[in-house]
């Protein structure tokens, strides 16, 4: 739950995805938008369109407000995805 508090502030800095993470587009007929692949931790995660959008925009350090603006969405939509990515250790943090 500490991560939810970390990113709940509009000015909190969100780190980019770790370098080892790659985003693979889903096949056209798939029911998901993309797969996030983390070879270092052996994780593969199917993403819906919102998750894929957030993942593609986590290319630099930015505030939640900036991320939401880049998405063209409300901050709470971005925050939920960022919190999930944080709990899965996908962000480039010292953890």
PDB file of N, CA and C in Angstrom:
ATOM      1  N   UNK A   1       0.805  -1.202   0.000  1.00  0.00           N
ATOM      2  CA  UNK A   1       0.000   0.000   0.000  1.00  0.00           C
ATOM      3  C   UNK A   1       0.848   1.266   0.000  1.00  0.00           C
ATOM      4  N   UNK A   2       2.097   1.175   0.337  1.00  0.00           N
ATOM      5  CA  UNK A   2       2.953   2.358   0.349  1.00  0.00           C
ATOM      6  C   UNK A   2       3.051   2.982  -1.032  1.00  0.00           C
ATOM      7  N   UNK A   3       2.996   2.162  -2.064  1.00  0.00           N
ATOM      8  CA  UNK A   3       3.086   2.688  -3.424  1.00  0.00           C
ATOM      9  C   UNK A   3       1.877   3.542  -3.776  1.00  0.00           C
ATOM     10  N   UNK A   4       0.703   3.167  -3.302  1.00  0.00           N
ATOM     11  CA  UNK A   4      -0.500   3.955  -3.592  1.00  0.00           C
ATOM     12  C   UNK A   4      -0.335   5.365  -3.031  1.00  0.00           C
ATOM     13  N   UNK A   5       0.261   5.474  -1.867  1.00  0.00           N
ATOM     14  CA  UNK A   5       0.499   6.781  -1.268  1.00  0.00           C
ATOM     15  C   UNK A   5       1.560   7.533  -2.057  1.00  0.00           C
ATOM     16  N   UNK A   6       2.569   6.845  -2.521  1.00  0.00           N
ATOM     17  CA  UNK A   6       3.654   7.465  -3.267  1.00  0.00           C
ATOM     18  C   UNK A   6       3.150   8.175  -4.505  1.00  0.00           C
ATOM     19  N   UNK A   7       2.241   7.574  -5.240  1.00  0.00           N
ATOM     20  CA  UNK A   7       1.809   8.139  -6.502  1.00  0.00           C
ATOM     21  C   UNK A   7       0.491   8.889  -6.419  1.00  0.00           C
ATOM     22  N   UNK A   8      -0.099   8.999  -5.241  1.00  0.00           N
ATOM     23  CA  UNK A   8      -1.383   9.679  -5.140  1.00  0.00           C
ATOM     24  C   UNK A   8      -1.246  11.194  -5.257  1.00  0.00           C
ATOM     25  N   UNK A   9      -0.076  11.714  -5.011  1.00  0.00           N
ATOM     26  CA  UNK A   9       0.148  13.144  -5.162  1.00  0.00           C
ATOM     27  C   UNK A   9       0.392  13.465  -6.630  1.00  0.00           C
ATOM     28  N   UNK A  10      -0.277  14.485  -7.130  1.00  0.00           N
ATOM     29  CA  UNK A  10      -0.132  14.856  -8.537  1.00  0.00           C
ATOM     30  C   UNK A  10       1.312  15.220  -8.876  1.00  0.00           C
ATOM     31  N   UNK A  11       2.077  15.692  -7.890  1.00  0.00           N
ATOM     32  CA  UNK A  11       3.440  16.108  -8.163  1.00  0.00           C
ATOM     33  C   UNK A  11       4.462  15.003  -7.893  1.00  0.00           C
ATOM     34  N   UNK A  12       4.017  13.844  -7.387  1.00  0.00           N
ATOM     35  CA  UNK A  12       4.941  12.740  -7.129  1.00  0.00           C
ATOM     36  C   UNK A  12       5.590  12.314  -8.440  1.00  0.00           C
ATOM     37  N   UNK A  13       6.849  11.989  -8.378  1.00  0.00           N
ATOM     38  CA  UNK A  13       7.570  11.575  -9.579  1.00  0.00           C
ATOM     39  C   UNK A  13       7.402  10.078  -9.799  1.00  0.00           C
ATOM     40  N   UNK A  14       6.987   9.733 -10.993  1.00  0.00           N
ATOM     41  CA  UNK A  14       6.826   8.329 -11.374  1.00  0.00           C
ATOM     42  C   UNK A  14       8.045   7.949 -12.210  1.00  0.00           C
ATOM     43  N   UNK A  15       8.764   6.917 -11.801  1.00  0.00           N
ATOM     44  CA  UNK A  15       9.915   6.499 -12.600  1.00  0.00           C
ATOM     45  C   UNK A  15       9.458   5.783 -13.870  1.00  0.00           C
ATOM     46  N   UNK A  16      10.339   5.683 -14.857  1.00  0.00           N
ATOM     47  CA  UNK A  16      10.001   4.931 -16.065  1.00  0.00           C
ATOM     48  C   UNK A  16       9.998   3.429 -15.780  1.00  0.00           C
ATOM     49  N   UNK A  17       9.558   2.659 -16.760  1.00  0.00           N
ATOM     50  CA  UNK A  17       9.666   1.200 -16.655  1.00  0.00           C
ATOM     51  C   UNK A  17      11.143   0.824 -16.622  1.00  0.00           C
ATOM     52  N   UNK A  18      11.458  -0.290 -15.984  1.00  0.00           N
ATOM     53  CA  UNK A  18      12.844  -0.771 -15.972  1.00  0.00           C
ATOM     54  C   UNK A  18      13.296  -1.064 -17.403  1.00  0.00           C
ATOM     55  N   UNK A  19      14.590  -0.960 -17.643  1.00  0.00           N
ATOM     56  CA  UNK A  19      15.150  -1.187 -18.983  1.00  0.00           C
ATOM     57  C   UNK A  19      14.879  -2.589 -19.510  1.00  0.00           C
ATOM     58  N   UNK A  20      14.771  -3.566 -18.619  1.00  0.00           N
ATOM     59  CA  UNK A  20      14.584  -4.957 -19.031  1.00  0.00           C
ATOM     60  C   UNK A  20      13.158  -5.254 -19.509  1.00  0.00           C
ATOM     61  N   UNK A  21      12.264  -4.297 -19.372  1.00  0.00           N
ATOM     62  CA  UNK A  21      10.863  -4.496 -19.730  1.00  0.00           C
ATOM     63  C   UNK A  21      10.659  -4.182 -21.208  1.00  0.00           C
ATOM     64  N   UNK A  22       9.875  -5.022 -21.868  1.00  0.00           N
ATOM     65  CA  UNK A  22       9.508  -4.693 -23.250  1.00  0.00           C
ATOM     66  C   UNK A  22       8.016  -4.899 -23.437  1.00  0.00           C
ATOM     67  N   UNK A  23       7.460  -4.109 -24.324  1.00  0.00           N
ATOM     68  CA  UNK A  23       6.037  -4.132 -24.623  1.00  0.00           C
ATOM     69  C   UNK A  23       5.857  -4.744 -26.000  1.00  0.00           C
ATOM     70  N   UNK A  24       5.122  -5.855 -26.053  1.00  0.00           N
ATOM     71  CA  UNK A  24       4.883  -6.534 -27.329  1.00  0.00           C
ATOM     72  C   UNK A  24       3.422  -6.354 -27.721  1.00  0.00           C
ATOM     73  N   UNK A  25       3.146  -5.813 -28.909  1.00  0.00           N
ATOM     74  CA  UNK A  25       1.757  -5.685 -29.348  1.00  0.00           C
ATOM     75  C   UNK A  25       1.114  -7.061 -29.456  1.00  0.00           C
ATOM     76  N   UNK A  26      -0.157  -7.125 -29.165  1.00  0.00           N
ATOM     77  CA  UNK A  26      -0.895  -8.395 -29.252  1.00  0.00           C
ATOM     78  C   UNK A  26      -1.265  -8.662 -30.709  1.00  0.00           C
ATOM     79  N   UNK A  27      -1.457  -9.937 -31.053  1.00  0.00           N
ATOM     80  CA  UNK A  27      -1.952 -10.253 -32.387  1.00  0.00           C
ATOM     81  C   UNK A  27      -3.320  -9.590 -32.595  1.00  0.00           C
ATOM     82  N   UNK A  28      -3.647  -9.302 -33.806  1.00  0.00           N
ATOM     83  CA  UNK A  28      -4.892  -8.592 -34.125  1.00  0.00           C
ATOM     84  C   UNK A  28      -6.127  -9.240 -33.531  1.00  0.00           C
ATOM     85  N   UNK A  29      -6.193 -10.560 -33.523  1.00  0.00           N
ATOM     86  CA  UNK A  29      -7.385 -11.268 -33.050  1.00  0.00           C
ATOM     87  C   UNK A  29      -7.426 -11.453 -31.529  1.00  0.00           C
ATOM     88  N   UNK A  30      -6.400 -10.999 -30.822  1.00  0.00           N
ATOM     89  CA  UNK A  30      -6.327 -11.188 -29.364  1.00  0.00           C
ATOM     90  C   UNK A  30      -7.337 -10.316 -28.633  1.00  0.00           C
ATOM     91  N   UNK A  31      -7.725 -10.775 -27.464  1.00  0.00           N
ATOM     92  CA  UNK A  31      -8.670 -10.042 -26.614  1.00  0.00           C
ATOM     93  C   UNK A  31      -7.954  -9.055 -25.697  1.00  0.00           C
ATOM     94  N   UNK A  32      -6.661  -8.878 -25.870  1.00  0.00           N
ATOM     95  CA  UNK A  32      -5.870  -7.943 -25.068  1.00  0.00           C
ATOM     96  C   UNK A  32      -5.059  -7.068 -26.022  1.00  0.00           C
ATOM     97  N   UNK A  33      -4.551  -5.956 -25.526  1.00  0.00           N
ATOM     98  CA  UNK A  33      -3.873  -4.991 -26.394  1.00  0.00           C
ATOM     99  C   UNK A  33      -2.380  -5.262 -26.569  1.00  0.00           C
ATOM    100  N   UNK A  34      -1.738  -5.761 -25.520  1.00  0.00           N
ATOM    101  CA  UNK A  34      -0.285  -5.967 -25.567  1.00  0.00           C
ATOM    102  C   UNK A  34       0.132  -6.890 -24.432  1.00  0.00           C
ATOM    103  N   UNK A  35       1.381  -7.338 -24.521  1.00  0.00           N
ATOM    104  CA  UNK A  35       1.969  -8.131 -23.447  1.00  0.00           C
ATOM    105  C   UNK A  35       3.200  -7.393 -22.947  1.00  0.00           C
ATOM    106  N   UNK A  36       3.283  -7.247 -21.642  1.00  0.00           N
ATOM    107  CA  UNK A  36       4.451  -6.663 -21.011  1.00  0.00           C
ATOM    108  C   UNK A  36       5.349  -7.821 -20.606  1.00  0.00           C
ATOM    109  N   UNK A  37       6.567  -7.820 -21.093  1.00  0.00           N
ATOM    110  CA  UNK A  37       7.490  -8.922 -20.847  1.00  0.00           C
ATOM    111  C   UNK A  37       8.647  -8.427 -19.984  1.00  0.00           C
ATOM    112  N   UNK A  38       8.852  -9.122 -18.873  1.00  0.00           N
ATOM    113  CA  UNK A  38       9.928  -8.810 -17.942  1.00  0.00           C
ATOM    114  C   UNK A  38      10.797 -10.056 -17.828  1.00  0.00           C
ATOM    115  N   UNK A  39      11.813 -10.138 -18.662  1.00  0.00           N
ATOM    116  CA  UNK A  39      12.701 -11.307 -18.670  1.00  0.00           C
ATOM    117  C   UNK A  39      13.469 -11.437 -17.358  1.00  0.00           C
ATOM    118  N   UNK A  40      13.862 -10.321 -16.758  1.00  0.00           N
ATOM    119  CA  UNK A  40      14.661 -10.354 -15.535  1.00  0.00           C
ATOM    120  C   UNK A  40      13.922 -11.027 -14.383  1.00  0.00           C
ATOM    121  N   UNK A  41      12.623 -10.752 -14.248  1.00  0.00           N
ATOM    122  CA  UNK A  41      11.844 -11.346 -13.168  1.00  0.00           C
ATOM    123  C   UNK A  41      10.961 -12.492 -13.657  1.00  0.00           C
ATOM    124  N   UNK A  42      11.067 -12.822 -14.924  1.00  0.00           N
ATOM    125  CA  UNK A  42      10.293 -13.934 -15.475  1.00  0.00           C
ATOM    126  C   UNK A  42       8.792 -13.689 -15.479  1.00  0.00           C
ATOM    127  N   UNK A  43       8.389 -12.455 -15.737  1.00  0.00           N
ATOM    128  CA  UNK A  43       6.969 -12.112 -15.746  1.00  0.00           C
ATOM    129  C   UNK A  43       6.497 -11.783 -17.160  1.00  0.00           C
ATOM    130  N   UNK A  44       5.279 -12.195 -17.449  1.00  0.00           N
ATOM    131  CA  UNK A  44       4.578 -11.792 -18.674  1.00  0.00           C
ATOM    132  C   UNK A  44       3.184 -11.393 -18.235  1.00  0.00           C
ATOM    133  N   UNK A  45       2.750 -10.239 -18.685  1.00  0.00           N
ATOM    134  CA  UNK A  45       1.458  -9.744 -18.255  1.00  0.00           C
ATOM    135  C   UNK A  45       0.698  -9.199 -19.460  1.00  0.00           C
ATOM    136  N   UNK A  46      -0.512  -9.725 -19.661  1.00  0.00           N
ATOM    137  CA  UNK A  46      -1.374  -9.202 -20.720  1.00  0.00           C
ATOM    138  C   UNK A  46      -1.985  -7.893 -20.253  1.00  0.00           C
ATOM    139  N   UNK A  47      -1.999  -6.925 -21.142  1.00  0.00           N
ATOM    140  CA  UNK A  47      -2.507  -5.604 -20.800  1.00  0.00           C
ATOM    141  C   UNK A  47      -3.719  -5.249 -21.646  1.00  0.00           C
ATOM    142  N   UNK A  48      -4.666  -4.570 -21.025  1.00  0.00           N
ATOM    143  CA  UNK A  48      -5.761  -4.009 -21.801  1.00  0.00           C
ATOM    144  C   UNK A  48      -5.240  -2.730 -22.466  1.00  0.00           C
ATOM    145  N   UNK A  49      -6.103  -2.041 -23.180  1.00  0.00           N
ATOM    146  CA  UNK A  49      -5.643  -0.861 -23.918  1.00  0.00           C
ATOM    147  C   UNK A  49      -5.114   0.232 -22.989  1.00  0.00           C
ATOM    148  N   UNK A  50      -5.727   0.408 -21.808  1.00  0.00           N
ATOM    149  CA  UNK A  50      -5.256   1.423 -20.861  1.00  0.00           C
ATOM    150  C   UNK A  50      -3.882   1.048 -20.321  1.00  0.00           C
ATOM    151  N   UNK A  51      -3.691  -0.203 -19.941  1.00  0.00           N
ATOM    152  CA  UNK A  51      -2.392  -0.648 -19.448  1.00  0.00           C
ATOM    153  C   UNK A  51      -1.302  -0.502 -20.496  1.00  0.00           C
ATOM    154  N   UNK A  52      -1.620  -0.845 -21.734  1.00  0.00           N
ATOM    155  CA  UNK A  52      -0.655  -0.709 -22.831  1.00  0.00           C
ATOM    156  C   UNK A  52      -0.313   0.757 -23.065  1.00  0.00           C
ATOM    157  N   UNK A  53      -1.315   1.625 -22.979  1.00  0.00           N
ATOM    158  CA  UNK A  53      -1.077   3.051 -23.171  1.00  0.00           C
ATOM    159  C   UNK A  53      -0.145   3.584 -22.086  1.00  0.00           C
ATOM    160  N   UNK A  54      -0.426   3.252 -20.840  1.00  0.00           N
ATOM    161  CA  UNK A  54       0.420   3.720 -19.738  1.00  0.00           C
ATOM    162  C   UNK A  54       1.839   3.171 -19.899  1.00  0.00           C
ATOM    163  N   UNK A  55       1.972   1.891 -20.190  1.00  0.00           N
ATOM    164  CA  UNK A  55       3.297   1.288 -20.355  1.00  0.00           C
ATOM    165  C   UNK A  55       4.095   1.995 -21.452  1.00  0.00           C
ATOM    166  N   UNK A  56       3.437   2.319 -22.546  1.00  0.00           N
ATOM    167  CA  UNK A  56       4.144   2.973 -23.648  1.00  0.00           C
ATOM    168  C   UNK A  56       4.579   4.387 -23.295  1.00  0.00           C
ATOM    169  N   UNK A  57       3.910   5.011 -22.330  1.00  0.00           N
ATOM    170  CA  UNK A  57       4.241   6.382 -21.939  1.00  0.00           C
ATOM    171  C   UNK A  57       5.177   6.464 -20.739  1.00  0.00           C
ATOM    172  N   UNK A  58       5.488   5.332 -20.126  1.00  0.00           N
ATOM    173  CA  UNK A  58       6.430   5.335 -19.000  1.00  0.00           C
ATOM    174  C   UNK A  58       7.858   5.214 -19.527  1.00  0.00           C
ATOM    175  N   UNK A  59       8.218   6.156 -20.376  1.00  0.00           N
ATOM    176  CA  UNK A  59       9.521   6.171 -21.015  1.00  0.00           C
ATOM    177  C   UNK A  59      10.493   7.155 -20.367  1.00  0.00           C
ATOM    178  N   UNK A  60      10.000   7.890 -19.381  1.00  0.00           N
ATOM    179  CA  UNK A  60      10.838   8.861 -18.684  1.00  0.00           C
ATOM    180  C   UNK A  60      10.223   9.126 -17.312  1.00  0.00           C
ATOM    181  N   UNK A  61      11.005   9.765 -16.451  1.00  0.00           N
ATOM    182  CA  UNK A  61      10.495  10.169 -15.146  1.00  0.00           C
ATOM    183  C   UNK A  61       9.502  11.300 -15.370  1.00  0.00           C
ATOM    184  N   UNK A  62       8.349  11.243 -14.695  1.00  0.00           N
ATOM    185  CA  UNK A  62       7.328  12.266 -14.894  1.00  0.00           C
ATOM    186  C   UNK A  62       6.369  12.277 -13.715  1.00  0.00           C
ATOM    187  N   UNK A  63       5.618  13.349 -13.596  1.00  0.00           N
ATOM    188  CA  UNK A  63       4.611  13.427 -12.539  1.00  0.00           C
ATOM    189  C   UNK A  63       3.353  12.707 -13.010  1.00  0.00           C
ATOM    190  N   UNK A  64       2.507  12.381 -12.066  1.00  0.00           N
ATOM    191  CA  UNK A  64       1.233  11.752 -12.398  1.00  0.00           C
ATOM    192  C   UNK A  64       0.407  12.684 -13.282  1.00  0.00           C
ATOM    193  N   UNK A  65       0.450  13.964 -12.985  1.00  0.00           N
ATOM    194  CA  UNK A  65      -0.272  14.961 -13.780  1.00  0.00           C
ATOM    195  C   UNK A  65       0.233  14.964 -15.225  1.00  0.00           C
ATOM    196  N   UNK A  66       1.551  14.922 -15.410  1.00  0.00           N
ATOM    197  CA  UNK A  66       2.120  14.904 -16.759  1.00  0.00           C
ATOM    198  C   UNK A  66       1.725  13.631 -17.505  1.00  0.00           C
ATOM    199  N   UNK A  67       1.783  12.493 -16.806  1.00  0.00           N
ATOM    200  CA  UNK A  67       1.398  11.229 -17.433  1.00  0.00           C
ATOM    201  C   UNK A  67      -0.066  11.277 -17.870  1.00  0.00           C
ATOM    202  N   UNK A  68      -0.936  11.747 -16.994  1.00  0.00           N
ATOM    203  CA  UNK A  68      -2.355  11.834 -17.323  1.00  0.00           C
ATOM    204  C   UNK A  68      -2.586  12.755 -18.521  1.00  0.00           C
ATOM    205  N   UNK A  69      -1.854  13.850 -18.556  1.00  0.00           N
ATOM    206  CA  UNK A  69      -1.987  14.781 -19.684  1.00  0.00           C
ATOM    207  C   UNK A  69      -1.539  14.118 -20.986  1.00  0.00           C
ATOM    208  N   UNK A  70      -0.426  13.401 -20.950  1.00  0.00           N
ATOM    209  CA  UNK A  70       0.051  12.694 -22.144  1.00  0.00           C
ATOM    210  C   UNK A  70      -0.952  11.639 -22.605  1.00  0.00           C
ATOM    211  N   UNK A  71      -1.659  11.043 -21.634  1.00  0.00           N
ATOM    212  CA  UNK A  71      -2.662  10.018 -21.955  1.00  0.00           C
ATOM    213  C   UNK A  71      -3.956  10.632 -22.473  1.00  0.00           C
ATOM    214  N   UNK A  72      -4.217  11.868 -22.096  1.00  0.00           N
ATOM    215  CA  UNK A  72      -5.496  12.477 -22.405  1.00  0.00           C
ATOM    216  C   UNK A  72      -6.590  11.879 -21.536  1.00  0.00           C
ATOM    217  N   UNK A  73      -6.234  11.571 -20.283  1.00  0.00           N
ATOM    218  CA  UNK A  73      -7.165  10.901 -19.366  1.00  0.00           C
ATOM    219  C   UNK A  73      -7.076  11.538 -17.988  1.00  0.00           C
ATOM    220  N   UNK A  74      -7.983  11.119 -17.116  1.00  0.00           N
ATOM    221  CA  UNK A  74      -7.964  11.584 -15.725  1.00  0.00           C
ATOM    222  C   UNK A  74      -6.798  10.941 -14.989  1.00  0.00           C
ATOM    223  N   UNK A  75      -6.287  11.663 -14.000  1.00  0.00           N
ATOM    224  CA  UNK A  75      -5.142  11.178 -13.236  1.00  0.00           C
ATOM    225  C   UNK A  75      -5.428   9.859 -12.530  1.00  0.00           C
ATOM    226  N   UNK A  76      -6.661   9.644 -12.064  1.00  0.00           N
ATOM    227  CA  UNK A  76      -6.945   8.405 -11.334  1.00  0.00           C
ATOM    228  C   UNK A  76      -6.850   7.182 -12.245  1.00  0.00           C
ATOM    229  N   UNK A  77      -7.124   7.337 -13.531  1.00  0.00           N
ATOM    230  CA  UNK A  77      -6.979   6.214 -14.470  1.00  0.00           C
ATOM    231  C   UNK A  77      -5.505   5.826 -14.609  1.00  0.00           C
ATOM    232  N   UNK A  78      -4.647   6.816 -14.684  1.00  0.00           N
ATOM    233  CA  UNK A  78      -3.206   6.561 -14.774  1.00  0.00           C
ATOM    234  C   UNK A  78      -2.681   6.000 -13.464  1.00  0.00           C
ATOM    235  N   UNK A  79      -3.152   6.554 -12.358  1.00  0.00           N
ATOM    236  CA  UNK A  79      -2.655   6.149 -11.042  1.00  0.00           C
ATOM    237  C   UNK A  79      -2.907   4.674 -10.765  1.00  0.00           C
ATOM    238  N   UNK A  80      -4.076   4.170 -11.116  1.00  0.00           N
ATOM    239  CA  UNK A  80      -4.388   2.754 -10.868  1.00  0.00           C
ATOM    240  C   UNK A  80      -3.407   1.842 -11.596  1.00  0.00           C
ATOM    241  N   UNK A  81      -3.115   2.153 -12.839  1.00  0.00           N
ATOM    242  CA  UNK A  81      -2.189   1.318 -13.619  1.00  0.00           C
ATOM    243  C   UNK A  81      -0.775   1.444 -13.057  1.00  0.00           C
ATOM    244  N   UNK A  82      -0.342   2.647 -12.757  1.00  0.00           N
ATOM    245  CA  UNK A  82       1.000   2.857 -12.201  1.00  0.00           C
ATOM    246  C   UNK A  82       1.156   2.114 -10.879  1.00  0.00           C
ATOM    247  N   UNK A  83       0.132   2.119 -10.053  1.00  0.00           N
ATOM    248  CA  UNK A  83       0.200   1.402  -8.779  1.00  0.00           C
ATOM    249  C   UNK A  83       0.371  -0.102  -8.998  1.00  0.00           C
ATOM    250  N   UNK A  84      -0.332  -0.665  -9.970  1.00  0.00           N
ATOM    251  CA  UNK A  84      -0.173  -2.096 -10.279  1.00  0.00           C
ATOM    252  C   UNK A  84       1.248  -2.359 -10.769  1.00  0.00           C
ATOM    253  N   UNK A  85       1.738  -1.534 -11.686  1.00  0.00           N
ATOM    254  CA  UNK A  85       3.099  -1.708 -12.194  1.00  0.00           C
ATOM    255  C   UNK A  85       4.117  -1.604 -11.069  1.00  0.00           C
ATOM    256  N   UNK A  86       3.880  -0.699 -10.136  1.00  0.00           N
ATOM    257  CA  UNK A  86       4.788  -0.525  -9.009  1.00  0.00           C
ATOM    258  C   UNK A  86       4.805  -1.768  -8.124  1.00  0.00           C
ATOM    259  N   UNK A  87       3.623  -2.294  -7.798  1.00  0.00           N
ATOM    260  CA  UNK A  87       3.552  -3.500  -6.951  1.00  0.00           C
ATOM    261  C   UNK A  87       4.229  -4.698  -7.619  1.00  0.00           C
ATOM    262  N   UNK A  88       4.259  -4.740  -8.944  1.00  0.00           N
ATOM    263  CA  UNK A  88       4.890  -5.839  -9.676  1.00  0.00           C
ATOM    264  C   UNK A  88       6.381  -5.572  -9.941  1.00  0.00           C
ATOM    265  N   UNK A  89       6.900  -4.486  -9.388  1.00  0.00           N
ATOM    266  CA  UNK A  89       8.328  -4.114  -9.520  1.00  0.00           C
ATOM    267  C   UNK A  89       8.724  -3.896 -10.975  1.00  0.00           C
ATOM    268  N   UNK A  90       7.860  -3.285 -11.741  1.00  0.00           N
ATOM    269  CA  UNK A  90       8.145  -2.997 -13.149  1.00  0.00           C
ATOM    270  C   UNK A  90       8.783  -1.632 -13.346  1.00  0.00           C
ATOM    271  N   UNK A  91       8.673  -0.765 -12.346  1.00  0.00           N
ATOM    272  CA  UNK A  91       9.218   0.582 -12.454  1.00  0.00           C
ATOM    273  C   UNK A  91      10.681   0.603 -12.036  1.00  0.00           C
ATOM    274  N   UNK A  92      11.428   1.526 -12.596  1.00  0.00           N
ATOM    275  CA  UNK A  92      12.857   1.639 -12.345  1.00  0.00           C
ATOM    276  C   UNK A  92      13.099   2.372 -11.024  1.00  0.00           C
ATOM    277  N   UNK A  93      12.955   1.618  -9.928  1.00  0.00           N
ATOM    278  CA  UNK A  93      13.179   2.169  -8.594  1.00  0.00           C
ATOM    279  C   UNK A  93      14.345   1.430  -7.956  1.00  0.00           C
ATOM    280  N   UNK A  94      14.754   1.882  -6.794  1.00  0.00           N
ATOM    281  CA  UNK A  94      15.854   1.218  -6.092  1.00  0.00           C
ATOM    282  C   UNK A  94      15.447  -0.156  -5.556  1.00  0.00           C
ATOM    283  N   UNK A  95      14.157  -0.396  -5.429  1.00  0.00           N
ATOM    284  CA  UNK A  95      13.675  -1.699  -4.948  1.00  0.00           C
ATOM    285  C   UNK A  95      14.069  -2.741  -5.938  1.00  0.00           C
TER     286      UNK A  95
END
